[in-house]
Amino acid sequence: MGIDCEKFIVQTERFIAQTKVFVDQNMNLSLKLKRLSFKVSSEATTC
């Protein structure tokens, strides 16, 4: 029983695309968190 190569490639590409979207969203989230923590720490130092 051989693997259906084309189906496998399509599934893999779809998986990579989903992963890329997930990573992009997380990058966005971490950037927002960094900005927020920077804002908080800069406000804390002015106290």
C-alpha atoms as a PDB file:
ATOM      1  CA  MET A   1       0.000   0.000   0.000  1.00  0.00           C
ATOM      2  CA  GLY A   2       1.735   3.171  -1.195  1.00  0.00           C
ATOM      3  CA  ILE A   3       1.024   6.636   0.062  1.00  0.00           C
ATOM      4  CA  ASP A   4      -1.061   8.794  -2.267  1.00  0.00           C
ATOM      5  CA  CYS A   5       1.682  11.334  -2.848  1.00  0.00           C
ATOM      6  CA  GLU A   6      -0.443  14.138  -4.259  1.00  0.00           C
ATOM      7  CA  LYS A   7      -2.978  13.881  -1.447  1.00  0.00           C
ATOM      8  CA  PHE A   8      -0.136  13.830   1.074  1.00  0.00           C
ATOM      9  CA  ILE A   9       1.474  16.932  -0.469  1.00  0.00           C
ATOM     10  CA  VAL A  10      -1.843  18.812  -0.492  1.00  0.00           C
ATOM     11  CA  GLN A  11      -2.503  17.911   3.148  1.00  0.00           C
ATOM     12  CA  THR A  12       1.022  18.927   4.128  1.00  0.00           C
ATOM     13  CA  GLU A  13       0.752  22.272   2.323  1.00  0.00           C
ATOM     14  CA  ARG A  14      -2.599  22.918   3.983  1.00  0.00           C
ATOM     15  CA  PHE A  15      -1.103  22.063   7.368  1.00  0.00           C
ATOM     16  CA  ILE A  16       1.853  24.395   6.765  1.00  0.00           C
ATOM     17  CA  ALA A  17      -0.497  27.210   5.736  1.00  0.00           C
ATOM     18  CA  GLN A  18      -2.580  26.740   8.907  1.00  0.00           C
ATOM     19  CA  THR A  19       0.552  26.652  11.033  1.00  0.00           C
ATOM     20  CA  LYS A  20       1.820  29.831   9.385  1.00  0.00           C
ATOM     21  CA  VAL A  21      -1.462  31.625  10.140  1.00  0.00           C
ATOM     22  CA  PHE A  22      -1.315  30.367  13.736  1.00  0.00           C
ATOM     23  CA  VAL A  23       2.275  31.556  14.130  1.00  0.00           C
ATOM     24  CA  ASP A  24       1.459  34.944  12.589  1.00  0.00           C
ATOM     25  CA  GLN A  25      -1.415  35.392  15.048  1.00  0.00           C
ATOM     26  CA  ASN A  26       0.848  34.463  17.939  1.00  0.00           C
ATOM     27  CA  MET A  27       3.545  36.869  16.739  1.00  0.00           C
ATOM     28  CA  ASN A  28       0.898  39.588  16.684  1.00  0.00           C
ATOM     29  CA  LEU A  29      -0.176  38.634  20.184  1.00  0.00           C
ATOM     30  CA  SER A  30       3.367  38.586  21.554  1.00  0.00           C
ATOM     31  CA  LEU A  31       4.090  41.971  19.969  1.00  0.00           C
ATOM     32  CA  LYS A  32       0.993  43.380  21.660  1.00  0.00           C
ATOM     33  CA  LEU A  33       2.068  41.854  24.959  1.00  0.00           C
ATOM     34  CA  LYS A  34       5.574  43.286  24.588  1.00  0.00           C
ATOM     35  CA  ARG A  35       4.147  46.727  23.882  1.00  0.00           C
ATOM     36  CA  LEU A  36       1.809  46.432  26.840  1.00  0.00           C
ATOM     37  CA  SER A  37       4.536  45.309  29.239  1.00  0.00           C
ATOM     38  CA  PHE A  38       6.827  48.069  27.956  1.00  0.00           C
ATOM     39  CA  LYS A  39       4.064  50.610  28.537  1.00  0.00           C
ATOM     40  CA  VAL A  40       3.443  49.287  32.037  1.00  0.00           C
ATOM     41  CA  SER A  41       7.139  49.255  32.963  1.00  0.00           C
ATOM     42  CA  SER A  42       7.715  52.761  31.582  1.00  0.00           C
ATOM     43  CA  GLU A  43       4.743  54.050  33.578  1.00  0.00           C
ATOM     44  CA  ALA A  44       6.048  52.273  36.662  1.00  0.00           C
ATOM     45  CA  THR A  45       9.446  53.983  36.361  1.00  0.00           C
ATOM     46  CA  THR A  46       7.834  57.440  36.185  1.00  0.00           C
ATOM     47  CA  CYS A  47       6.057  56.911  39.520  1.00  0.00           C
END
